[in-house]
Amino acid sequence: MKNNFISAVFFLALSIFSLLPEVANACKSRFYPPSFPVDEIKEYNHVYVVHVDKVNLNTPLEESWYAPPFSFEGRIVKTLKGSKKPGDAIQGMTNSDKDAQARCPIFLESGKVYLLMMVGAEMPYLLPRYGSLFVPSDHPYFQRYITDIKRLNKAKL
């Protein structure tokens, strides 16, 4: 009797989990190492601390399983790599052409400050949607990453 009960509970739990898309389609968030991965910075033309003023979603959040592609507008707070200066307006967007490979897409919120790494020669700059190292100012490594990038910039001089 006990084995039948355990089997029934297990089957019921398995059935419920298979019906929930959020569980069935889980993605992995980016791993943030304690020190900034300096080898990644060479992949980006622009590394800024940005205050995000506005986020424009390509699809409403309620119609998407994960964060949809988006564009954003903001202001540069600090320049770590690139031609823009603090106070300059900036525009960026995520791309949809790369395969997710089970990685969670990035998502920015209006009114928050982020360390962002982007590519492109003109605005809107491209913010890779999957696997991008974007760091909100309330993340424990935010200030450490900025210090690591500044140290890297000084070492190259």
Protein backbone atom coordinates (compact mmCIF):
# COMPACT_ATOMS: atom_id res chain seq x y z
CA MET A 1 0.00 0.00 0.00
CA LYS A 2 2.82 2.40 0.93
CA ASN A 3 4.64 1.74 -2.37
CA ASN A 4 1.43 2.41 -4.35
CA PHE A 5 0.96 5.71 -2.54
CA ILE A 6 4.57 6.78 -3.22
CA SER A 7 4.24 5.75 -6.87
CA ALA A 8 0.99 7.69 -7.24
CA VAL A 9 2.50 10.85 -5.67
CA PHE A 10 5.60 10.55 -7.87
CA PHE A 11 3.48 10.11 -11.01
CA LEU A 12 1.27 13.06 -10.06
CA ALA A 13 4.29 15.32 -9.40
CA LEU A 14 5.91 14.28 -12.68
CA SER A 15 2.68 14.99 -14.55
CA ILE A 16 2.33 18.44 -13.02
CA PHE A 17 5.95 19.39 -13.78
CA SER A 18 5.66 18.28 -17.38
CA LEU A 19 2.65 20.58 -17.83
CA LEU A 20 4.37 23.68 -16.47
CA PRO A 21 6.31 25.45 -19.26
CA GLU A 22 8.39 27.45 -16.79
CA VAL A 23 9.80 24.27 -15.28
CA ALA A 24 10.02 22.28 -18.50
CA ASN A 25 11.95 25.04 -20.28
CA ALA A 26 14.37 26.20 -17.59
CA CYS A 27 17.39 28.22 -18.63
CA LYS A 28 20.75 28.84 -16.98
CA SER A 29 21.70 32.29 -15.77
CA ARG A 30 25.16 33.62 -16.49
CA PHE A 31 27.86 32.64 -14.00
CA TYR A 32 29.59 35.69 -12.51
CA PRO A 33 33.15 34.95 -11.36
CA PRO A 34 34.53 36.89 -8.35
CA SER A 35 36.95 38.80 -10.62
CA PHE A 36 35.98 40.34 -13.96
CA PRO A 37 36.82 37.93 -16.83
CA VAL A 38 39.30 40.29 -18.52
CA ASP A 39 39.60 38.15 -21.66
CA GLU A 40 35.99 39.04 -22.51
CA ILE A 41 36.51 42.81 -22.69
CA LYS A 42 38.36 42.61 -26.01
CA GLU A 43 35.14 41.30 -27.64
CA TYR A 44 33.36 44.62 -26.98
CA ASN A 45 33.75 48.10 -28.48
CA HIS A 46 31.84 49.78 -25.66
CA VAL A 47 31.93 49.21 -21.91
CA TYR A 48 29.90 51.72 -19.93
CA VAL A 49 28.09 52.16 -16.67
CA VAL A 50 24.64 53.19 -17.88
CA HIS A 51 21.56 54.59 -16.18
CA VAL A 52 18.69 53.01 -18.14
CA ASP A 53 15.88 55.52 -18.66
CA LYS A 54 13.56 53.51 -20.89
CA VAL A 55 13.19 49.89 -22.02
CA ASN A 56 11.09 49.06 -25.11
CA LEU A 57 10.11 45.38 -25.27
CA ASN A 58 9.60 43.80 -28.70
CA THR A 59 6.93 41.55 -27.16
CA PRO A 60 4.91 42.17 -23.99
CA LEU A 61 6.31 40.28 -20.99
CA GLU A 62 3.06 38.39 -20.48
CA GLU A 63 3.33 36.96 -24.02
CA SER A 64 6.85 35.66 -23.52
CA TRP A 65 8.21 32.71 -21.53
CA TYR A 66 11.47 34.54 -20.93
CA ALA A 67 12.63 38.12 -21.28
CA PRO A 68 11.88 39.17 -24.88
CA PRO A 69 14.25 41.11 -27.14
CA PHE A 70 14.28 44.82 -26.33
CA SER A 71 15.83 48.20 -27.02
CA PHE A 72 16.81 50.74 -24.40
CA GLU A 73 17.69 54.39 -23.93
CA GLY A 74 19.85 55.78 -21.18
CA ARG A 75 22.70 58.01 -20.07
CA ILE A 76 26.37 57.17 -19.62
CA VAL A 77 27.40 57.35 -15.95
CA LYS A 78 30.98 56.13 -16.42
CA THR A 79 33.07 55.28 -19.49
CA LEU A 80 35.34 52.26 -19.21
CA LYS A 81 35.86 51.62 -22.94
CA GLY A 82 34.45 53.50 -25.91
CA SER A 83 34.05 57.00 -27.30
CA LYS A 84 31.02 58.16 -25.27
CA LYS A 85 31.45 60.42 -22.24
CA PRO A 86 29.55 60.58 -18.93
CA GLY A 87 26.24 62.38 -19.48
CA ASP A 88 25.98 61.32 -23.15
CA ALA A 89 22.76 59.69 -24.31
CA ILE A 90 23.04 56.07 -25.38
CA GLN A 91 20.78 53.65 -27.20
CA GLY A 92 21.15 49.91 -27.42
CA MET A 93 19.24 46.82 -28.39
CA THR A 94 19.46 43.08 -28.02
CA ASN A 95 19.69 40.78 -30.99
CA SER A 96 17.56 37.73 -31.66
CA ASP A 97 19.76 35.95 -34.17
CA LYS A 98 21.84 33.84 -31.76
CA ASP A 99 20.79 30.48 -30.40
CA ALA A 100 20.03 30.55 -26.67
CA GLN A 101 21.83 27.26 -25.94
CA ALA A 102 19.78 26.97 -22.70
CA ARG A 103 21.04 30.36 -21.48
CA CYS A 104 18.61 32.90 -20.04
CA PRO A 105 18.17 36.08 -22.05
CA ILE A 106 19.21 39.32 -20.38
CA PHE A 107 16.70 41.84 -19.15
CA LEU A 108 17.15 45.48 -18.08
CA GLU A 109 14.82 47.57 -15.94
CA SER A 110 14.09 51.28 -16.36
CA GLY A 111 15.55 53.44 -13.62
CA LYS A 112 18.41 51.08 -12.79
CA VAL A 113 22.16 51.42 -13.37
CA TYR A 114 24.12 48.66 -15.12
CA LEU A 115 27.62 47.81 -16.26
CA LEU A 116 27.01 47.01 -19.94
CA MET A 117 29.25 45.66 -22.70
CA MET A 118 28.15 46.29 -26.27
CA VAL A 119 29.37 46.09 -29.84
CA GLY A 120 28.76 48.23 -32.90
CA ALA A 121 30.07 51.32 -34.65
CA GLU A 122 26.94 53.45 -34.26
CA MET A 123 23.84 53.61 -32.14
CA PRO A 124 21.86 51.70 -31.30
CA TYR A 125 24.71 49.56 -30.04
CA LEU A 126 24.19 45.83 -29.88
CA LEU A 127 23.87 44.22 -26.45
CA PRO A 128 24.20 40.43 -26.86
CA ARG A 129 20.96 38.86 -25.65
CA TYR A 130 22.38 35.54 -24.43
CA GLY A 131 25.43 35.03 -22.25
CA SER A 132 26.14 38.75 -21.95
CA LEU A 133 27.86 39.90 -18.79
CA PHE A 134 25.52 42.68 -17.67
CA VAL A 135 25.81 43.70 -14.04
CA PRO A 136 23.24 45.75 -12.11
CA SER A 137 24.61 48.26 -9.60
CA ASP A 138 23.10 46.28 -6.70
CA HIS A 139 25.05 43.12 -7.68
CA PRO A 140 27.80 42.27 -5.15
CA TYR A 141 30.48 42.27 -7.91
CA PHE A 142 29.45 45.56 -9.58
CA GLN A 143 32.10 47.79 -8.01
CA ARG A 144 34.74 45.06 -8.09
CA TYR A 145 34.25 44.58 -11.85
CA ILE A 146 34.60 48.32 -12.46
CA THR A 147 37.83 48.35 -10.45
CA ASP A 148 39.13 45.31 -12.38
CA ILE A 149 38.37 46.96 -15.74
CA LYS A 150 40.05 50.24 -14.68
CA ARG A 151 43.11 48.28 -13.54
CA LEU A 152 43.19 46.49 -16.90
CA ASN A 153 42.95 49.82 -18.75
CA LYS A 154 45.89 51.26 -16.74
CA ALA A 155 48.00 48.16 -17.37
CA LYS A 156 47.60 48.60 -21.13
CA LEU A 157 48.97 52.18 -21.04
